[in-house]
Protein backbone atom coordinates (compact mmCIF):
# COMPACT_ATOMS: atom_id res chain seq x y z
CA MET A 1 84.02 75.46 77.23
CA PRO A 2 82.11 72.60 75.49
CA PRO A 3 79.16 71.07 77.15
CA ARG A 4 79.75 68.07 79.40
CA ARG A 5 78.98 64.72 77.55
CA CYS A 6 76.29 62.56 79.09
CA PRO A 7 77.84 59.61 81.06
CA CYS A 8 75.30 57.16 79.42
CA GLY A 9 77.33 56.98 76.05
CA THR A 10 74.97 58.49 73.46
CA GLY A 11 77.44 61.24 72.58
CA LEU A 12 74.88 63.91 73.44
CA PRO A 13 75.57 66.80 75.97
CA TYR A 14 74.25 65.74 79.49
CA ASP A 15 71.95 68.76 79.33
CA GLU A 16 70.14 67.31 76.13
CA CYS A 17 70.11 63.72 77.18
CA CYS A 18 69.81 62.36 80.79
CA GLY A 19 69.66 65.84 82.32
CA PRO A 20 66.15 66.44 81.52
CA ARG A 21 65.13 62.94 82.93
CA HIS A 22 67.15 63.77 86.05
CA ASP A 23 65.42 67.21 86.68
CA GLY A 24 61.98 65.83 85.86
CA SER A 25 61.34 68.11 82.64
CA ALA A 26 61.44 65.26 80.18
CA PRO A 27 60.52 61.63 81.44
CA ALA A 28 61.88 58.76 79.66
CA ALA A 29 59.99 57.64 76.46
CA THR A 30 61.46 54.13 76.23
CA ALA A 31 62.83 51.58 78.64
CA GLU A 32 66.31 52.10 77.14
CA GLN A 33 66.22 55.82 77.74
CA LEU A 34 65.23 55.03 81.57
CA MET A 35 68.07 52.57 81.82
CA ARG A 36 70.47 54.97 80.29
CA SER A 37 69.39 57.71 82.80
CA ARG A 38 69.64 55.44 85.70
CA TYR A 39 73.24 54.54 84.66
CA SER A 40 73.91 58.29 84.39
CA ALA A 41 72.42 58.82 87.90
CA PHE A 42 74.81 56.17 89.39
CA ALA A 43 77.62 58.00 87.53
CA ILE A 44 76.71 61.32 88.96
CA GLY A 45 75.67 60.02 92.45
CA ASP A 46 71.94 61.11 92.00
CA ALA A 47 70.34 58.69 94.62
CA ALA A 48 66.98 60.51 94.58
CA TYR A 49 66.41 59.93 90.90
CA LEU A 50 67.48 56.28 91.37
CA LEU A 51 64.62 55.79 93.91
CA ALA A 52 62.28 57.88 91.94
CA SER A 53 62.67 55.79 88.89
CA TRP A 54 62.47 52.36 90.79
CA HIS A 55 59.02 50.60 90.79
CA PRO A 56 57.42 50.79 94.14
CA THR A 57 56.97 47.01 94.57
CA THR A 58 60.68 46.47 94.53
CA ARG A 59 62.17 49.85 95.52
CA PRO A 60 64.52 49.66 98.57
CA SER A 61 64.11 52.23 101.18
CA SER A 62 67.34 53.92 100.19
CA VAL A 63 70.09 53.77 97.73
CA GLU A 64 73.61 55.05 98.25
CA PRO A 65 75.90 55.09 95.17
CA ASP A 66 79.51 54.28 96.26
CA PRO A 67 81.67 57.58 95.72
CA ALA A 68 84.73 55.39 95.35
CA VAL A 69 83.37 53.71 92.12
CA ARG A 70 83.76 55.57 88.87
CA TRP A 71 81.50 54.48 86.34
CA THR A 72 83.49 54.69 82.91
CA GLY A 73 81.40 53.28 80.13
CA LEU A 74 77.97 51.76 79.21
CA ASP A 75 77.28 49.24 76.42
CA VAL A 76 73.69 48.40 75.64
CA LEU A 77 73.81 44.94 74.14
CA ALA A 78 69.97 44.12 73.49
CA THR A 79 66.59 45.42 74.14
CA THR A 80 63.21 43.69 73.98
CA GLY A 81 59.96 45.70 73.97
CA GLY A 82 60.21 48.90 75.89
CA GLY A 83 59.16 51.08 73.09
CA LEU A 84 56.72 54.01 72.98
CA LEU A 85 53.65 51.73 72.81
CA ASP A 86 54.80 49.03 75.09
CA ARG A 87 54.00 48.37 78.78
CA GLU A 88 57.17 46.31 79.57
CA GLY A 89 60.64 45.69 78.36
CA THR A 90 64.05 44.46 78.98
CA VAL A 91 67.45 46.05 78.46
CA GLU A 92 70.67 44.04 78.60
CA PHE A 93 73.72 46.14 79.12
CA ARG A 94 77.33 46.05 80.43
CA ALA A 95 78.31 48.98 82.66
CA HIS A 96 82.16 49.41 83.34
CA TRP A 97 83.71 50.74 86.54
CA ARG A 98 86.87 51.60 88.21
CA SER A 99 87.59 51.89 91.96
CA GLY A 100 91.00 52.33 93.40
CA GLY A 101 93.43 50.21 91.23
CA GLU A 102 90.60 47.80 90.29
CA SER A 103 88.29 47.67 87.14
CA GLY A 104 85.37 45.59 86.01
CA ASP A 105 81.99 45.50 84.61
CA GLN A 106 78.42 44.78 85.60
CA HIS A 107 76.41 42.68 83.17
CA GLU A 108 72.77 42.80 83.72
CA VAL A 109 69.44 42.21 81.82
CA SER A 110 67.03 44.90 83.67
CA ARG A 111 63.22 44.66 83.41
CA PHE A 112 61.25 47.73 83.15
CA VAL A 113 57.46 48.51 83.22
CA ARG A 114 55.19 51.43 82.19
CA GLU A 115 52.63 52.54 84.79
CA ASP A 116 50.52 55.61 84.36
CA GLY A 117 52.60 56.67 81.46
CA ALA A 118 56.04 56.47 83.17
CA TRP A 119 58.62 53.95 82.88
CA ARG A 120 60.05 52.32 86.02
CA TYR A 121 62.85 49.95 86.68
CA LEU A 122 61.46 46.66 88.16
CA ASP A 123 64.24 44.33 88.76
CA ALA A 124 67.08 42.46 87.06
CA GLU A 125 66.92 38.95 85.57
C-alpha cells in the first residue's frame, strides 16, 4: 500500500511532509510550511496542533474543526517574507472544501511571526 499523500498538496507522503510538524519532531522552517501544516491539521481534524501553532496573543481558547467539512485542496498563491531568516511573513492561499452537496473555497492572506525560533499563525488580513 503506497504511503498516504499529504493533504497540503506538495505531493509528498504525509509522514515526510506535515506529519513531522504535527507530531513535533520537525518544526516549520518557513511561514509557508506552517501554513501548509495548519491546512493539513484542519483536513485531518488535529485541533491540538492548530492551537499549538497559533500565536498566544490571538489564539482562541478552543478550536473545533467541523467534521462535516472535507478539505479537498490547497493553492498557495503568494508569499511575502516568511523565510529562514525572516521574523514575519504572509501567505496568500485558497483552500477548497466540500460539505454535503455544497463546495467552495476560502481565500485568505495569513500573517505569521517567528518567536523564539518557532513560526506561529498570527491572524488573517
